[in-house]
Amino acid sequence: MNNLKKFTIIGLIFIAGIGSFIYGQFIVSTILFAFAAIYSNIAMRVKLDS
């Protein structure tokens, strides 16, 4: 998976988290923000290791 796809996935998850937060679904938005952060860290570690 190239960098554009990774950043697109992270961005879409983050925007979905913002939308969930605006509509009052705080648990869903927390899960989406956490998933975006964890996925971003994993993607950066793979990039640094290689």
C-alpha atoms as a PDB file:
ATOM      1  CA  MET A   1       0.000   0.000   0.000  1.00  0.00           C
ATOM      2  CA  ASN A   2       1.518   3.310  -0.987  1.00  0.00           C
ATOM      3  CA  ASN A   3       1.617   6.455   1.130  1.00  0.00           C
ATOM      4  CA  LEU A   4      -1.314   8.150  -0.638  1.00  0.00           C
ATOM      5  CA  LYS A   5      -3.640   5.256   0.191  1.00  0.00           C
ATOM      6  CA  LYS A   6      -2.473   5.192   3.818  1.00  0.00           C
ATOM      7  CA  PHE A   7      -2.971   8.935   4.264  1.00  0.00           C
ATOM      8  CA  THR A   8      -6.355   8.760   2.535  1.00  0.00           C
ATOM      9  CA  ILE A   9      -7.555   6.020   4.883  1.00  0.00           C
ATOM     10  CA  ILE A  10      -6.302   7.888   7.954  1.00  0.00           C
ATOM     11  CA  GLY A  11      -7.892  11.137   6.745  1.00  0.00           C
ATOM     12  CA  LEU A  12     -11.264   9.511   6.038  1.00  0.00           C
ATOM     13  CA  ILE A  13     -11.340   7.845   9.450  1.00  0.00           C
ATOM     14  CA  PHE A  14     -10.430  11.152  11.104  1.00  0.00           C
ATOM     15  CA  ILE A  15     -13.163  13.038   9.217  1.00  0.00           C
ATOM     16  CA  ALA A  16     -15.672  10.333  10.138  1.00  0.00           C
ATOM     17  CA  GLY A  17     -14.624  10.824  13.778  1.00  0.00           C
ATOM     18  CA  ILE A  18     -15.240  14.568  13.507  1.00  0.00           C
ATOM     19  CA  GLY A  19     -18.667  13.922  11.982  1.00  0.00           C
ATOM     20  CA  SER A  20     -19.532  11.489  14.768  1.00  0.00           C
ATOM     21  CA  PHE A  21     -18.431  14.021  17.360  1.00  0.00           C
ATOM     22  CA  ILE A  22     -20.595  16.747  15.812  1.00  0.00           C
ATOM     23  CA  TYR A  23     -23.668  14.476  15.806  1.00  0.00           C
ATOM     24  CA  GLY A  24     -23.153  13.555  19.458  1.00  0.00           C
ATOM     25  CA  GLN A  25     -21.934   9.990  19.038  1.00  0.00           C
ATOM     26  CA  PHE A  26     -19.042  10.416  21.423  1.00  0.00           C
ATOM     27  CA  ILE A  27     -18.208   6.736  21.888  1.00  0.00           C
ATOM     28  CA  VAL A  28     -18.042   6.140  18.132  1.00  0.00           C
ATOM     29  CA  SER A  29     -15.936   9.258  17.592  1.00  0.00           C
ATOM     30  CA  THR A  30     -13.530   8.200  20.343  1.00  0.00           C
ATOM     31  CA  ILE A  31     -13.108   4.792  18.736  1.00  0.00           C
ATOM     32  CA  LEU A  32     -12.532   6.349  15.298  1.00  0.00           C
ATOM     33  CA  PHE A  33      -9.975   8.850  16.633  1.00  0.00           C
ATOM     34  CA  ALA A  34      -8.153   6.064  18.488  1.00  0.00           C
ATOM     35  CA  PHE A  35      -8.136   3.843  15.406  1.00  0.00           C
ATOM     36  CA  ALA A  36      -6.789   6.683  13.246  1.00  0.00           C
ATOM     37  CA  ALA A  37      -4.021   7.405  15.763  1.00  0.00           C
ATOM     38  CA  ILE A  38      -3.009   3.759  16.139  1.00  0.00           C
ATOM     39  CA  TYR A  39      -3.086   3.108  12.388  1.00  0.00           C
ATOM     40  CA  SER A  40      -1.055   6.248  11.770  1.00  0.00           C
ATOM     41  CA  ASN A  41       1.594   5.162  14.290  1.00  0.00           C
ATOM     42  CA  ILE A  42       1.784   1.669  12.790  1.00  0.00           C
ATOM     43  CA  ALA A  43       2.140   3.089   9.271  1.00  0.00           C
ATOM     44  CA  MET A  44       4.930   5.451  10.384  1.00  0.00           C
ATOM     45  CA  ARG A  45       6.817   2.677  12.226  1.00  0.00           C
ATOM     46  CA  VAL A  46       6.758   0.452   9.160  1.00  0.00           C
ATOM     47  CA  LYS A  47       8.096   3.371   7.118  1.00  0.00           C
ATOM     48  CA  LEU A  48      10.883   4.065   9.650  1.00  0.00           C
ATOM     49  CA  ASP A  49      11.882   0.401   9.938  1.00  0.00           C
ATOM     50  CA  SER A  50      12.334  -0.032   6.201  1.00  0.00           C
END
